[in-house]
Amino acid sequence: MDALLEREGKVESWNDNRLDELSGRVDNGFKEMREGFDRLDQAMREGFAEINGRIDRLMLTLLVAAIGIIGTLIGGAVF
């Protein structure tokens, strides 16, 4: 029992230092996590920008095709 009481003071100071170290590690972990989310957000923005460009080109192609088909139908009906 006396051995446990002797170590009690050492354990408290150890716990304080360990808790400070743990707090720092947790802060660093959250910082790394935020940086990872920032990289992911940037990658998603770039990916969506590429997809938007493809959709714009598809819409233009469909519009040109529709105008061509309508023009052909009108031209065939007139002649």
N, C-alpha and C. Protein backbone atom coordinates (compact mmCIF):
# COMPACT_ATOMS: atom_id res chain seq x y z
N MET A 1 0.83 -1.19 0.00
CA MET A 1 0.00 0.00 0.00
C MET A 1 0.86 1.25 0.00
N ASP A 2 1.94 1.22 0.77
CA ASP A 2 2.84 2.38 0.81
C ASP A 2 3.48 2.62 -0.54
N ALA A 3 3.77 1.56 -1.26
CA ALA A 3 4.38 1.70 -2.58
C ALA A 3 3.42 2.43 -3.53
N LEU A 4 2.14 2.15 -3.41
CA LEU A 4 1.15 2.83 -4.25
C LEU A 4 1.05 4.32 -3.91
N LEU A 5 1.11 4.64 -2.63
CA LEU A 5 1.03 6.04 -2.23
C LEU A 5 2.25 6.82 -2.69
N GLU A 6 3.44 6.17 -2.69
CA GLU A 6 4.65 6.83 -3.17
C GLU A 6 4.53 7.16 -4.65
N ARG A 7 3.98 6.27 -5.39
CA ARG A 7 3.88 6.47 -6.84
C ARG A 7 2.75 7.42 -7.22
N GLU A 8 1.83 7.70 -6.32
CA GLU A 8 0.71 8.55 -6.64
C GLU A 8 1.16 9.94 -7.12
N GLY A 9 2.13 10.54 -6.43
CA GLY A 9 2.63 11.85 -6.85
C GLY A 9 3.27 11.80 -8.22
N LYS A 10 4.01 10.75 -8.48
CA LYS A 10 4.65 10.60 -9.79
C LYS A 10 3.62 10.39 -10.89
N VAL A 11 2.59 9.66 -10.59
CA VAL A 11 1.57 9.38 -11.59
C VAL A 11 0.83 10.67 -11.95
N GLU A 12 0.53 11.54 -10.99
CA GLU A 12 -0.17 12.78 -11.29
C GLU A 12 0.65 13.67 -12.22
N SER A 13 1.95 13.82 -11.94
CA SER A 13 2.76 14.66 -12.82
C SER A 13 2.93 13.99 -14.18
N TRP A 14 3.02 12.68 -14.17
CA TRP A 14 3.12 11.96 -15.44
C TRP A 14 1.84 12.17 -16.24
N ASN A 15 0.72 12.07 -15.58
CA ASN A 15 -0.56 12.26 -16.28
C ASN A 15 -0.68 13.66 -16.84
N ASP A 16 -0.26 14.68 -16.08
CA ASP A 16 -0.33 16.05 -16.60
C ASP A 16 0.52 16.20 -17.85
N ASN A 17 1.73 15.69 -17.82
CA ASN A 17 2.60 15.79 -18.99
C ASN A 17 2.04 14.98 -20.15
N ARG A 18 1.55 13.80 -19.83
CA ARG A 18 0.99 12.95 -20.88
C ARG A 18 -0.27 13.59 -21.47
N LEU A 19 -1.08 14.20 -20.62
CA LEU A 19 -2.28 14.87 -21.13
C LEU A 19 -1.91 16.05 -22.01
N ASP A 20 -0.88 16.79 -21.65
CA ASP A 20 -0.42 17.90 -22.49
C ASP A 20 0.07 17.37 -23.83
N GLU A 21 0.82 16.27 -23.78
CA GLU A 21 1.31 15.65 -25.01
C GLU A 21 0.15 15.15 -25.86
N LEU A 22 -0.82 14.51 -25.21
CA LEU A 22 -1.98 14.01 -25.93
C LEU A 22 -2.77 15.16 -26.54
N SER A 23 -2.92 16.24 -25.80
CA SER A 23 -3.64 17.40 -26.33
C SER A 23 -2.95 17.93 -27.58
N GLY A 24 -1.63 18.00 -27.55
CA GLY A 24 -0.88 18.45 -28.72
C GLY A 24 -1.04 17.52 -29.90
N ARG A 25 -1.01 16.22 -29.61
CA ARG A 25 -1.16 15.23 -30.68
C ARG A 25 -2.56 15.30 -31.29
N VAL A 26 -3.57 15.49 -30.44
CA VAL A 26 -4.94 15.59 -30.94
C VAL A 26 -5.08 16.85 -31.80
N ASP A 27 -4.51 17.96 -31.33
CA ASP A 27 -4.55 19.20 -32.12
C ASP A 27 -3.88 19.00 -33.48
N ASN A 28 -2.72 18.34 -33.48
CA ASN A 28 -2.03 18.07 -34.75
C ASN A 28 -2.85 17.16 -35.64
N GLY A 29 -3.51 16.18 -35.03
CA GLY A 29 -4.35 15.27 -35.81
C GLY A 29 -5.50 16.00 -36.47
N PHE A 30 -6.14 16.90 -35.73
CA PHE A 30 -7.23 17.68 -36.32
C PHE A 30 -6.70 18.62 -37.40
N LYS A 31 -5.51 19.16 -37.20
CA LYS A 31 -4.93 20.04 -38.21
C LYS A 31 -4.68 19.26 -39.50
N GLU A 32 -4.13 18.05 -39.37
CA GLU A 32 -3.89 17.20 -40.53
C GLU A 32 -5.20 16.81 -41.19
N MET A 33 -6.23 16.55 -40.39
CA MET A 33 -7.51 16.18 -40.93
C MET A 33 -8.11 17.36 -41.72
N ARG A 34 -8.01 18.57 -41.17
CA ARG A 34 -8.52 19.75 -41.88
C ARG A 34 -7.78 19.95 -43.20
N GLU A 35 -6.45 19.75 -43.17
CA GLU A 35 -5.67 19.89 -44.40
C GLU A 35 -6.10 18.84 -45.43
N GLY A 36 -6.37 17.64 -44.97
CA GLY A 36 -6.84 16.58 -45.87
C GLY A 36 -8.19 16.92 -46.49
N PHE A 37 -9.10 17.45 -45.67
CA PHE A 37 -10.40 17.86 -46.19
C PHE A 37 -10.25 19.01 -47.18
N ASP A 38 -9.33 19.93 -46.93
CA ASP A 38 -9.09 21.03 -47.86
C ASP A 38 -8.60 20.51 -49.20
N ARG A 39 -7.67 19.53 -49.16
CA ARG A 39 -7.18 18.94 -50.42
C ARG A 39 -8.31 18.22 -51.15
N LEU A 40 -9.15 17.52 -50.41
CA LEU A 40 -10.27 16.81 -51.01
C LEU A 40 -11.26 17.79 -51.63
N ASP A 41 -11.55 18.88 -50.94
CA ASP A 41 -12.46 19.90 -51.47
C ASP A 41 -11.90 20.48 -52.76
N GLN A 42 -10.61 20.77 -52.79
CA GLN A 42 -9.99 21.33 -54.00
C GLN A 42 -10.08 20.34 -55.16
N ALA A 43 -9.81 19.06 -54.88
CA ALA A 43 -9.89 18.04 -55.93
C ALA A 43 -11.32 17.91 -56.45
N MET A 44 -12.29 17.99 -55.55
CA MET A 44 -13.69 17.88 -55.98
C MET A 44 -14.09 19.09 -56.82
N ARG A 45 -13.62 20.28 -56.44
CA ARG A 45 -13.94 21.47 -57.24
C ARG A 45 -13.37 21.33 -58.65
N GLU A 46 -12.13 20.85 -58.74
CA GLU A 46 -11.51 20.67 -60.06
C GLU A 46 -12.26 19.62 -60.87
N GLY A 47 -12.66 18.53 -60.21
CA GLY A 47 -13.41 17.48 -60.90
C GLY A 47 -14.75 17.96 -61.39
N PHE A 48 -15.46 18.72 -60.55
CA PHE A 48 -16.76 19.25 -60.97
C PHE A 48 -16.61 20.28 -62.09
N ALA A 49 -15.53 21.05 -62.08
CA ALA A 49 -15.30 22.01 -63.15
C ALA A 49 -15.12 21.27 -64.48
N GLU A 50 -14.41 20.14 -64.44
CA GLU A 50 -14.22 19.35 -65.65
C GLU A 50 -15.54 18.76 -66.13
N ILE A 51 -16.33 18.26 -65.19
CA ILE A 51 -17.64 17.70 -65.56
C ILE A 51 -18.54 18.77 -66.13
N ASN A 52 -18.54 19.96 -65.54
CA ASN A 52 -19.35 21.06 -66.06
C ASN A 52 -18.94 21.41 -67.48
N GLY A 53 -17.65 21.41 -67.76
CA GLY A 53 -17.17 21.68 -69.12
C GLY A 53 -17.67 20.64 -70.10
N ARG A 54 -17.65 19.38 -69.70
CA ARG A 54 -18.14 18.31 -70.58
C ARG A 54 -19.63 18.45 -70.83
N ILE A 55 -20.37 18.77 -69.78
CA ILE A 55 -21.83 18.94 -69.95
C ILE A 55 -22.11 20.12 -70.88
N ASP A 56 -21.36 21.20 -70.76
CA ASP A 56 -21.54 22.36 -71.65
C ASP A 56 -21.29 21.98 -73.10
N ARG A 57 -20.23 21.20 -73.35
CA ARG A 57 -19.94 20.77 -74.73
C ARG A 57 -21.03 19.84 -75.25
N LEU A 58 -21.56 18.97 -74.39
CA LEU A 58 -22.64 18.07 -74.80
C LEU A 58 -23.89 18.86 -75.15
N MET A 59 -24.21 19.86 -74.32
CA MET A 59 -25.39 20.69 -74.59
C MET A 59 -25.24 21.41 -75.94
N LEU A 60 -24.05 21.92 -76.23
CA LEU A 60 -23.82 22.60 -77.50
C LEU A 60 -23.99 21.62 -78.66
N THR A 61 -23.46 20.42 -78.52
CA THR A 61 -23.58 19.41 -79.57
C THR A 61 -25.04 19.05 -79.80
N LEU A 62 -25.80 18.89 -78.73
CA LEU A 62 -27.23 18.56 -78.87
C LEU A 62 -28.00 19.71 -79.52
N LEU A 63 -27.65 20.93 -79.16
CA LEU A 63 -28.32 22.09 -79.74
C LEU A 63 -28.05 22.18 -81.24
N VAL A 64 -26.79 21.98 -81.64
CA VAL A 64 -26.43 22.03 -83.06
C VAL A 64 -27.14 20.90 -83.80
N ALA A 65 -27.18 19.71 -83.21
CA ALA A 65 -27.85 18.58 -83.85
C ALA A 65 -29.35 18.86 -83.99
N ALA A 66 -29.98 19.40 -82.95
CA ALA A 66 -31.42 19.70 -83.01
C ALA A 66 -31.70 20.74 -84.09
N ILE A 67 -30.88 21.78 -84.16
CA ILE A 67 -31.07 22.81 -85.20
C ILE A 67 -30.91 22.19 -86.59
N GLY A 68 -29.94 21.29 -86.75
CA GLY A 68 -29.75 20.61 -88.04
C GLY A 68 -30.94 19.74 -88.42
N ILE A 69 -31.47 19.01 -87.43
CA ILE A 69 -32.63 18.14 -87.73
C ILE A 69 -33.86 18.99 -88.06
N ILE A 70 -34.09 20.03 -87.28
CA ILE A 70 -35.25 20.91 -87.54
C ILE A 70 -35.10 21.57 -88.90
N GLY A 71 -33.90 22.02 -89.22
CA GLY A 71 -33.66 22.64 -90.53
C GLY A 71 -33.90 21.65 -91.65
N THR A 72 -33.50 20.43 -91.48
CA THR A 72 -33.70 19.40 -92.51
C THR A 72 -35.20 19.12 -92.67
N LEU A 73 -35.93 19.02 -91.56
CA LEU A 73 -37.36 18.76 -91.64
C LEU A 73 -38.10 19.92 -92.34
N ILE A 74 -37.74 21.14 -91.97
CA ILE A 74 -38.37 22.29 -92.61
C ILE A 74 -38.01 22.33 -94.10
N GLY A 75 -36.76 22.08 -94.42
CA GLY A 75 -36.32 22.09 -95.82
C GLY A 75 -37.01 21.00 -96.61
N GLY A 76 -37.21 19.83 -96.01
CA GLY A 76 -37.90 18.73 -96.71
C GLY A 76 -39.36 19.02 -96.89
N ALA A 77 -39.97 19.73 -95.94
CA ALA A 77 -41.40 20.04 -96.04
C ALA A 77 -41.65 21.11 -97.09
N VAL A 78 -40.72 22.03 -97.27
CA VAL A 78 -40.88 23.12 -98.21
C VAL A 78 -40.74 22.62 -99.65
N PHE A 79 -39.82 21.71 -99.86
CA PHE A 79 -39.57 21.25 -101.24
C PHE A 79 -40.42 20.06 -101.48
